[in-house]
Amino acid sequence: MVKKQKSQKHLPCCFYLGVIGILFLSISLVFAPLSQADTAGPRSRLMSRLETLEKQMKDAQTEQEKMLTAQANTIETIKGLKIWVSRR
């Protein structure tokens, strides 16, 4: 003899989808301000890093210009010395 199991009533899947949707919406509304605040931090850090890199590049360019000026002065000095020695 086969016993029939009592049929259990199941809630429709639309109910479960609705509950999941409401949970997702409430979680996203709670964490939305936090995610916007998080994006401001990296953006400001990136801007400060870019400003630092810009300053370093300007300093390097200034140093390079000083080195080129010193090199040009040295070349002129050598030319002057060659002329001075050749006249003697």
PDB file of N, CA and C in Angstrom:
ATOM      1  N   MET A   1       0.822  -1.169   0.000  1.00  0.00           N
ATOM      2  CA  MET A   1       0.000   0.000   0.000  1.00  0.00           C
ATOM      3  C   MET A   1       0.880   1.252   0.000  1.00  0.00           C
ATOM      4  N   VAL A   2       0.600   2.138  -0.877  1.00  0.00           N
ATOM      5  CA  VAL A   2       1.355   3.365  -1.017  1.00  0.00           C
ATOM      6  C   VAL A   2       0.621   4.475  -0.293  1.00  0.00           C
ATOM      7  N   LYS A   3       1.360   5.109   0.621  1.00  0.00           N
ATOM      8  CA  LYS A   3       0.739   6.212   1.354  1.00  0.00           C
ATOM      9  C   LYS A   3       0.922   7.497   0.568  1.00  0.00           C
ATOM     10  N   LYS A   4      -0.120   8.237   0.485  1.00  0.00           N
ATOM     11  CA  LYS A   4      -0.039   9.539  -0.168  1.00  0.00           C
ATOM     12  C   LYS A   4       0.455  10.557   0.843  1.00  0.00           C
ATOM     13  N   GLN A   5       1.424  11.314   0.419  1.00  0.00           N
ATOM     14  CA  GLN A   5       1.914  12.361   1.302  1.00  0.00           C
ATOM     15  C   GLN A   5       0.983  13.543   1.216  1.00  0.00           C
ATOM     16  N   LYS A   6       0.886  14.231   2.319  1.00  0.00           N
ATOM     17  CA  LYS A   6       0.038  15.412   2.326  1.00  0.00           C
ATOM     18  C   LYS A   6       0.710  16.488   1.480  1.00  0.00           C
ATOM     19  N   SER A   7      -0.048  17.075   0.628  1.00  0.00           N
ATOM     20  CA  SER A   7       0.521  18.132  -0.213  1.00  0.00           C
ATOM     21  C   SER A   7       0.686  19.392   0.625  1.00  0.00           C
ATOM     22  N   GLN A   8       1.866  19.946   0.518  1.00  0.00           N
ATOM     23  CA  GLN A   8       2.138  21.179   1.254  1.00  0.00           C
ATOM     24  C   GLN A   8       1.873  22.354   0.320  1.00  0.00           C
ATOM     25  N   LYS A   9       1.348  23.389   0.895  1.00  0.00           N
ATOM     26  CA  LYS A   9       1.091  24.582   0.098  1.00  0.00           C
ATOM     27  C   LYS A   9       2.375  25.388  -0.004  1.00  0.00           C
ATOM     28  N   HIS A  10       2.721  25.723  -1.216  1.00  0.00           N
ATOM     29  CA  HIS A  10       3.914  26.523  -1.443  1.00  0.00           C
ATOM     30  C   HIS A  10       3.503  27.927  -1.831  1.00  0.00           C
ATOM     31  N   LEU A  11       4.308  28.872  -1.375  1.00  0.00           N
ATOM     32  CA  LEU A  11       4.060  30.251  -1.775  1.00  0.00           C
ATOM     33  C   LEU A  11       4.501  30.401  -3.223  1.00  0.00           C
ATOM     34  N   PRO A  12       3.813  31.215  -3.969  1.00  0.00           N
ATOM     35  CA  PRO A  12       4.212  31.389  -5.366  1.00  0.00           C
ATOM     36  C   PRO A  12       5.602  32.037  -5.475  1.00  0.00           C
ATOM     37  N   CYS A  13       6.299  31.755  -6.556  1.00  0.00           N
ATOM     38  CA  CYS A  13       7.661  32.265  -6.724  1.00  0.00           C
ATOM     39  C   CYS A  13       7.674  33.790  -6.827  1.00  0.00           C
ATOM     40  N   CYS A  14       6.578  34.383  -7.243  1.00  0.00           N
ATOM     41  CA  CYS A  14       6.519  35.842  -7.317  1.00  0.00           C
ATOM     42  C   CYS A  14       6.703  36.466  -5.932  1.00  0.00           C
ATOM     43  N   PHE A  15       6.196  35.792  -4.916  1.00  0.00           N
ATOM     44  CA  PHE A  15       6.358  36.289  -3.556  1.00  0.00           C
ATOM     45  C   PHE A  15       7.834  36.313  -3.181  1.00  0.00           C
ATOM     46  N   TYR A  16       8.542  35.210  -3.472  1.00  0.00           N
ATOM     47  CA  TYR A  16       9.964  35.146  -3.147  1.00  0.00           C
ATOM     48  C   TYR A  16      10.770  36.191  -3.935  1.00  0.00           C
ATOM     49  N   LEU A  17      10.436  36.346  -5.193  1.00  0.00           N
ATOM     50  CA  LEU A  17      11.118  37.352  -6.005  1.00  0.00           C
ATOM     51  C   LEU A  17      10.868  38.756  -5.451  1.00  0.00           C
ATOM     52  N   GLY A  18       9.648  38.996  -4.990  1.00  0.00           N
ATOM     53  CA  GLY A  18       9.319  40.294  -4.405  1.00  0.00           C
ATOM     54  C   GLY A  18      10.113  40.550  -3.135  1.00  0.00           C
ATOM     55  N   VAL A  19      10.214  39.531  -2.279  1.00  0.00           N
ATOM     56  CA  VAL A  19      10.972  39.681  -1.028  1.00  0.00           C
ATOM     57  C   VAL A  19      12.446  39.938  -1.329  1.00  0.00           C
ATOM     58  N   ILE A  20      12.996  39.182  -2.273  1.00  0.00           N
ATOM     59  CA  ILE A  20      14.395  39.387  -2.651  1.00  0.00           C
ATOM     60  C   ILE A  20      14.594  40.785  -3.231  1.00  0.00           C
ATOM     61  N   GLY A  21      13.664  41.238  -4.048  1.00  0.00           N
ATOM     62  CA  GLY A  21      13.757  42.566  -4.634  1.00  0.00           C
ATOM     63  C   GLY A  21      13.722  43.664  -3.586  1.00  0.00           C
ATOM     64  N   ILE A  22      12.831  43.523  -2.627  1.00  0.00           N
ATOM     65  CA  ILE A  22      12.720  44.525  -1.558  1.00  0.00           C
ATOM     66  C   ILE A  22      13.993  44.539  -0.716  1.00  0.00           C
ATOM     67  N   LEU A  23      14.536  43.373  -0.411  1.00  0.00           N
ATOM     68  CA  LEU A  23      15.789  43.320   0.349  1.00  0.00           C
ATOM     69  C   LEU A  23      16.934  43.977  -0.424  1.00  0.00           C
ATOM     70  N   PHE A  24      17.025  43.663  -1.696  1.00  0.00           N
ATOM     71  CA  PHE A  24      18.077  44.248  -2.519  1.00  0.00           C
ATOM     72  C   PHE A  24      17.947  45.758  -2.592  1.00  0.00           C
ATOM     73  N   LEU A  25      16.718  46.246  -2.778  1.00  0.00           N
ATOM     74  CA  LEU A  25      16.486  47.683  -2.867  1.00  0.00           C
ATOM     75  C   LEU A  25      16.840  48.377  -1.555  1.00  0.00           C
ATOM     76  N   SER A  26      16.435  47.800  -0.435  1.00  0.00           N
ATOM     77  CA  SER A  26      16.729  48.438   0.853  1.00  0.00           C
ATOM     78  C   SER A  26      18.232  48.434   1.130  1.00  0.00           C
ATOM     79  N   ILE A  27      18.905  47.342   0.796  1.00  0.00           N
ATOM     80  CA  ILE A  27      20.358  47.303   1.007  1.00  0.00           C
ATOM     81  C   ILE A  27      21.051  48.318   0.113  1.00  0.00           C
ATOM     82  N   SER A  28      20.623  48.418  -1.138  1.00  0.00           N
ATOM     83  CA  SER A  28      21.279  49.370  -2.045  1.00  0.00           C
ATOM     84  C   SER A  28      21.023  50.814  -1.617  1.00  0.00           C
ATOM     85  N   LEU A  29      19.846  51.103  -1.061  1.00  0.00           N
ATOM     86  CA  LEU A  29      19.574  52.462  -0.582  1.00  0.00           C
ATOM     87  C   LEU A  29      20.397  52.798   0.652  1.00  0.00           C
ATOM     88  N   VAL A  30      20.656  51.801   1.490  1.00  0.00           N
ATOM     89  CA  VAL A  30      21.443  52.044   2.689  1.00  0.00           C
ATOM     90  C   VAL A  30      22.903  52.288   2.331  1.00  0.00           C
ATOM     91  N   PHE A  31      23.444  51.492   1.401  1.00  0.00           N
ATOM     92  CA  PHE A  31      24.861  51.581   1.085  1.00  0.00           C
ATOM     93  C   PHE A  31      25.181  52.551  -0.042  1.00  0.00           C
ATOM     94  N   ALA A  32      24.205  53.145  -0.693  1.00  0.00           N
ATOM     95  CA  ALA A  32      24.476  54.087  -1.779  1.00  0.00           C
ATOM     96  C   ALA A  32      25.247  55.315  -1.302  1.00  0.00           C
ATOM     97  N   PRO A  33      24.881  55.971  -0.198  1.00  0.00           N
ATOM     98  CA  PRO A  33      25.677  57.124   0.245  1.00  0.00           C
ATOM     99  C   PRO A  33      27.113  56.746   0.593  1.00  0.00           C
ATOM    100  N   LEU A  34      27.310  55.540   1.122  1.00  0.00           N
ATOM    101  CA  LEU A  34      28.664  55.112   1.474  1.00  0.00           C
ATOM    102  C   LEU A  34      29.519  54.937   0.227  1.00  0.00           C
ATOM    103  N   SER A  35      28.943  54.383  -0.831  1.00  0.00           N
ATOM    104  CA  SER A  35      29.726  54.166  -2.043  1.00  0.00           C
ATOM    105  C   SER A  35      30.073  55.499  -2.705  1.00  0.00           C
ATOM    106  N   GLN A  36      29.183  56.490  -2.606  1.00  0.00           N
ATOM    107  CA  GLN A  36      29.500  57.800  -3.173  1.00  0.00           C
ATOM    108  C   GLN A  36      30.606  58.477  -2.362  1.00  0.00           C
ATOM    109  N   ALA A  37      30.602  58.289  -1.054  1.00  0.00           N
ATOM    110  CA  ALA A  37      31.646  58.873  -0.217  1.00  0.00           C
ATOM    111  C   ALA A  37      32.987  58.201  -0.492  1.00  0.00           C
ATOM    112  N   ASP A  38      32.964  56.914  -0.803  1.00  0.00           N
ATOM    113  CA  ASP A  38      34.207  56.196  -1.082  1.00  0.00           C
ATOM    114  C   ASP A  38      34.850  56.674  -2.373  1.00  0.00           C
ATOM    115  N   THR A  39      34.048  57.070  -3.351  1.00  0.00           N
ATOM    116  CA  THR A  39      34.621  57.497  -4.624  1.00  0.00           C
ATOM    117  C   THR A  39      35.268  58.871  -4.504  1.00  0.00           C
ATOM    118  N   ALA A  40      34.835  59.675  -3.543  1.00  0.00           N
ATOM    119  CA  ALA A  40      35.453  60.994  -3.376  1.00  0.00           C
ATOM    120  C   ALA A  40      36.870  60.856  -2.820  1.00  0.00           C
ATOM    121  N   GLY A  41      37.105  59.871  -1.980  1.00  0.00           N
ATOM    122  CA  GLY A  41      38.424  59.672  -1.391  1.00  0.00           C
ATOM    123  C   GLY A  41      39.484  59.339  -2.424  1.00  0.00           C
ATOM    124  N   PRO A  42      39.273  58.289  -3.217  1.00  0.00           N
ATOM    125  CA  PRO A  42      40.285  57.954  -4.233  1.00  0.00           C
ATOM    126  C   PRO A  42      40.489  59.061  -5.261  1.00  0.00           C
ATOM    127  N   ARG A  43      39.426  59.783  -5.573  1.00  0.00           N
ATOM    128  CA  ARG A  43      39.549  60.870  -6.547  1.00  0.00           C
ATOM    129  C   ARG A  43      40.448  61.973  -6.008  1.00  0.00           C
ATOM    130  N   SER A  44      40.275  62.330  -4.740  1.00  0.00           N
ATOM    131  CA  SER A  44      41.119  63.382  -4.163  1.00  0.00           C
ATOM    132  C   SER A  44      42.561  62.894  -3.997  1.00  0.00           C
ATOM    133  N   ARG A  45      42.726  61.605  -3.645  1.00  0.00           N
ATOM    134  CA  ARG A  45      44.087  61.063  -3.554  1.00  0.00           C
ATOM    135  C   ARG A  45      44.752  61.065  -4.919  1.00  0.00           C
ATOM    136  N   LEU A  46      43.997  60.740  -5.948  1.00  0.00           N
ATOM    137  CA  LEU A  46      44.548  60.743  -7.303  1.00  0.00           C
ATOM    138  C   LEU A  46      44.946  62.150  -7.724  1.00  0.00           C
ATOM    139  N   MET A  47      44.107  63.134  -7.396  1.00  0.00           N
ATOM    140  CA  MET A  47      44.431  64.520  -7.750  1.00  0.00           C
ATOM    141  C   MET A  47      45.695  64.978  -7.024  1.00  0.00           C
ATOM    142  N   SER A  48      45.828  64.644  -5.747  1.00  0.00           N
ATOM    143  CA  SER A  48      47.029  65.058  -5.013  1.00  0.00           C
ATOM    144  C   SER A  48      48.256  64.349  -5.571  1.00  0.00           C
ATOM    145  N   ARG A  49      48.115  63.097  -5.968  1.00  0.00           N
ATOM    146  CA  ARG A  49      49.243  62.370  -6.558  1.00  0.00           C
ATOM    147  C   ARG A  49      49.639  62.987  -7.898  1.00  0.00           C
ATOM    148  N   LEU A  50      48.631  63.372  -8.703  1.00  0.00           N
ATOM    149  CA  LEU A  50      48.934  64.012  -9.979  1.00  0.00           C
ATOM    150  C   LEU A  50      49.625  65.355  -9.784  1.00  0.00           C
ATOM    151  N   GLU A  51      49.203  66.111  -8.778  1.00  0.00           N
ATOM    152  CA  GLU A  51      49.853  67.387  -8.491  1.00  0.00           C
ATOM    153  C   GLU A  51      51.301  67.163  -8.047  1.00  0.00           C
ATOM    154  N   THR A  52      51.528  66.129  -7.244  1.00  0.00           N
ATOM    155  CA  THR A  52      52.889  65.808  -6.809  1.00  0.00           C
ATOM    156  C   THR A  52      53.759  65.434  -8.002  1.00  0.00           C
ATOM    157  N   LEU A  53      53.206  64.614  -8.906  1.00  0.00           N
ATOM    158  CA  LEU A  53      53.963  64.224 -10.095  1.00  0.00           C
ATOM    159  C   LEU A  53      54.260  65.425 -10.987  1.00  0.00           C
ATOM    160  N   GLU A  54      53.291  66.331 -11.085  1.00  0.00           N
ATOM    161  CA  GLU A  54      53.503  67.533 -11.899  1.00  0.00           C
ATOM    162  C   GLU A  54      54.645  68.376 -11.306  1.00  0.00           C
ATOM    163  N   LYS A  55      54.652  68.523  -9.987  1.00  0.00           N
ATOM    164  CA  LYS A  55      55.721  69.284  -9.331  1.00  0.00           C
ATOM    165  C   LYS A  55      57.078  68.603  -9.537  1.00  0.00           C
ATOM    166  N   GLN A  56      57.115  67.288  -9.423  1.00  0.00           N
ATOM    167  CA  GLN A  56      58.363  66.560  -9.634  1.00  0.00           C
ATOM    168  C   GLN A  56      58.857  66.726 -11.065  1.00  0.00           C
ATOM    169  N   MET A  57      57.944  66.711 -12.029  1.00  0.00           N
ATOM    170  CA  MET A  57      58.343  66.890 -13.427  1.00  0.00           C
ATOM    171  C   MET A  57      58.895  68.295 -13.660  1.00  0.00           C
ATOM    172  N   LYS A  58      58.263  69.303 -13.048  1.00  0.00           N
ATOM    173  CA  LYS A  58      58.774  70.667 -13.183  1.00  0.00           C
ATOM    174  C   LYS A  58      60.148  70.800 -12.549  1.00  0.00           C
ATOM    175  N   ASP A  59      60.329  70.187 -11.386  1.00  0.00           N
ATOM    176  CA  ASP A  59      61.639  70.219 -10.722  1.00  0.00           C
ATOM    177  C   ASP A  59      62.698  69.528 -11.570  1.00  0.00           C
ATOM    178  N   ALA A  60      62.336  68.386 -12.157  1.00  0.00           N
ATOM    179  CA  ALA A  60      63.284  67.659 -13.011  1.00  0.00           C
ATOM    180  C   ALA A  60      63.633  68.477 -14.253  1.00  0.00           C
ATOM    181  N   GLN A  61      62.631  69.163 -14.811  1.00  0.00           N
ATOM    182  CA  GLN A  61      62.883  69.997 -15.990  1.00  0.00           C
ATOM    183  C   GLN A  61      63.819  71.157 -15.624  1.00  0.00           C
ATOM    184  N   THR A  62      63.577  71.776 -14.470  1.00  0.00           N
ATOM    185  CA  THR A  62      64.445  72.863 -14.016  1.00  0.00           C
ATOM    186  C   THR A  62      65.870  72.363 -13.809  1.00  0.00           C
ATOM    187  N   GLU A  63      66.004  71.189 -13.201  1.00  0.00           N
ATOM    188  CA  GLU A  63      67.336  70.610 -12.972  1.00  0.00           C
ATOM    189  C   GLU A  63      68.023  70.299 -14.302  1.00  0.00           C
ATOM    190  N   GLN A  64      67.241  69.795 -15.260  1.00  0.00           N
ATOM    191  CA  GLN A  64      67.809  69.499 -16.576  1.00  0.00           C
ATOM    192  C   GLN A  64      68.269  70.780 -17.275  1.00  0.00           C
ATOM    193  N   GLU A  65      67.481  71.851 -17.157  1.00  0.00           N
ATOM    194  CA  GLU A  65      67.877  73.128 -17.751  1.00  0.00           C
ATOM    195  C   GLU A  65      69.164  73.653 -17.107  1.00  0.00           C
ATOM    196  N   LYS A  66      69.295  73.491 -15.789  1.00  0.00           N
ATOM    197  CA  LYS A  66      70.519  73.910 -15.106  1.00  0.00           C
ATOM    198  C   LYS A  66      71.722  73.117 -15.625  1.00  0.00           C
ATOM    199  N   MET A  67      71.514  71.803 -15.799  1.00  0.00           N
ATOM    200  CA  MET A  67      72.616  70.962 -16.289  1.00  0.00           C
ATOM    201  C   MET A  67      73.004  71.352 -17.716  1.00  0.00           C
ATOM    202  N   LEU A  68      72.020  71.648 -18.570  1.00  0.00           N
ATOM    203  CA  LEU A  68      72.314  72.054 -19.942  1.00  0.00           C
ATOM    204  C   LEU A  68      73.039  73.401 -19.972  1.00  0.00           C
ATOM    205  N   THR A  69      72.625  74.302 -19.096  1.00  0.00           N
ATOM    206  CA  THR A  69      73.307  75.601 -19.014  1.00  0.00           C
ATOM    207  C   THR A  69      74.748  75.417 -18.560  1.00  0.00           C
ATOM    208  N   ALA A  70      74.945  74.577 -17.566  1.00  0.00           N
ATOM    209  CA  ALA A  70      76.315  74.321 -17.079  1.00  0.00           C
ATOM    210  C   ALA A  70      77.159  73.683 -18.180  1.00  0.00           C
ATOM    211  N   GLN A  71      76.544  72.761 -18.940  1.00  0.00           N
ATOM    212  CA  GLN A  71      77.269  72.115 -20.031  1.00  0.00           C
ATOM    213  C   GLN A  71      77.641  73.134 -21.113  1.00  0.00           C
ATOM    214  N   ALA A  72      76.697  74.015 -21.449  1.00  0.00           N
ATOM    215  CA  ALA A  72      76.981  75.043 -22.458  1.00  0.00           C
ATOM    216  C   ALA A  72      78.080  75.982 -21.967  1.00  0.00           C
ATOM    217  N   ASN A  73      78.036  76.346 -20.680  1.00  0.00           N
ATOM    218  CA  ASN A  73      79.090  77.215 -20.120  1.00  0.00           C
ATOM    219  C   ASN A  73      80.447  76.522 -20.159  1.00  0.00           C
ATOM    220  N   THR A  74      80.456  75.227 -19.876  1.00  0.00           N
ATOM    221  CA  THR A  74      81.714  74.478 -19.922  1.00  0.00           C
ATOM    222  C   THR A  74      82.267  74.426 -21.342  1.00  0.00           C
ATOM    223  N   ILE A  75      81.400  74.206 -22.306  1.00  0.00           N
ATOM    224  CA  ILE A  75      81.841  74.170 -23.712  1.00  0.00           C
ATOM    225  C   ILE A  75      82.402  75.518 -24.129  1.00  0.00           C
ATOM    226  N   GLU A  76      81.717  76.595 -23.738  1.00  0.00           N
ATOM    227  CA  GLU A  76      82.219  77.937 -24.068  1.00  0.00           C
ATOM    228  C   GLU A  76      83.563  78.202 -23.396  1.00  0.00           C
ATOM    229  N   THR A  77      83.722  77.743 -22.157  1.00  0.00           N
ATOM    230  CA  THR A  77      84.984  77.917 -21.453  1.00  0.00           C
ATOM    231  C   THR A  77      86.109  77.163 -22.158  1.00  0.00           C
ATOM    232  N   ILE A  78      85.815  75.937 -22.585  1.00  0.00           N
ATOM    233  CA  ILE A  78      86.816  75.143 -23.297  1.00  0.00           C
ATOM    234  C   ILE A  78      87.195  75.817 -24.614  1.00  0.00           C
ATOM    235  N   LYS A  79      86.209  76.334 -25.334  1.00  0.00           N
ATOM    236  CA  LYS A  79      86.495  77.051 -26.590  1.00  0.00           C
ATOM    237  C   LYS A  79      87.376  78.274 -26.317  1.00  0.00           C
ATOM    238  N   GLY A  80      87.024  78.988 -25.265  1.00  0.00           N
ATOM    239  CA  GLY A  80      87.820  80.163 -24.896  1.00  0.00           C
ATOM    240  C   GLY A  80      89.244  79.803 -24.534  1.00  0.00           C
ATOM    241  N   LEU A  81      89.407  78.719 -23.802  1.00  0.00           N
ATOM    242  CA  LEU A  81      90.751  78.273 -23.433  1.00  0.00           C
ATOM    243  C   LEU A  81      91.548  77.818 -24.664  1.00  0.00           C
ATOM    244  N   LYS A  82      90.881  77.157 -25.596  1.00  0.00           N
ATOM    245  CA  LYS A  82      91.569  76.731 -26.814  1.00  0.00           C
ATOM    246  C   LYS A  82      92.062  77.942 -27.618  1.00  0.00           C
ATOM    247  N   ILE A  83      91.215  78.947 -27.700  1.00  0.00           N
ATOM    248  CA  ILE A  83      91.614  80.167 -28.414  1.00  0.00           C
ATOM    249  C   ILE A  83      92.766  80.843 -27.691  1.00  0.00           C
ATOM    250  N   TRP A  84      92.675  80.915 -26.364  1.00  0.00           N
ATOM    251  CA  TRP A  84      93.714  81.564 -25.575  1.00  0.00           C
ATOM    252  C   TRP A  84      95.046  80.828 -25.717  1.00  0.00           C
ATOM    253  N   VAL A  85      94.996  79.466 -25.685  1.00  0.00           N
ATOM    254  CA  VAL A  85      96.222  78.675 -25.813  1.00  0.00           C
ATOM    255  C   VAL A  85      96.794  78.789 -27.221  1.00  0.00           C
ATOM    256  N   SER A  86      95.951  78.819 -28.232  1.00  0.00           N
ATOM    257  CA  SER A  86      96.438  78.893 -29.618  1.00  0.00           C
ATOM    258  C   SER A  86      97.100  80.246 -29.904  1.00  0.00           C
ATOM    259  N   ARG A  87      96.744  81.299 -29.192  1.00  0.00           N
ATOM    260  CA  ARG A  87      97.335  82.619 -29.406  1.00  0.00           C
ATOM    261  C   ARG A  87      98.716  82.713 -28.772  1.00  0.00           C
ATOM    262  N   ARG A  88      99.031  81.902 -27.836  1.00  0.00           N
ATOM    263  CA  ARG A  88     100.320  81.978 -27.147  1.00  0.00           C
ATOM    264  C   ARG A  88     101.403  81.359 -27.933  1.00  0.00           C
TER     265      ARG A  88
END
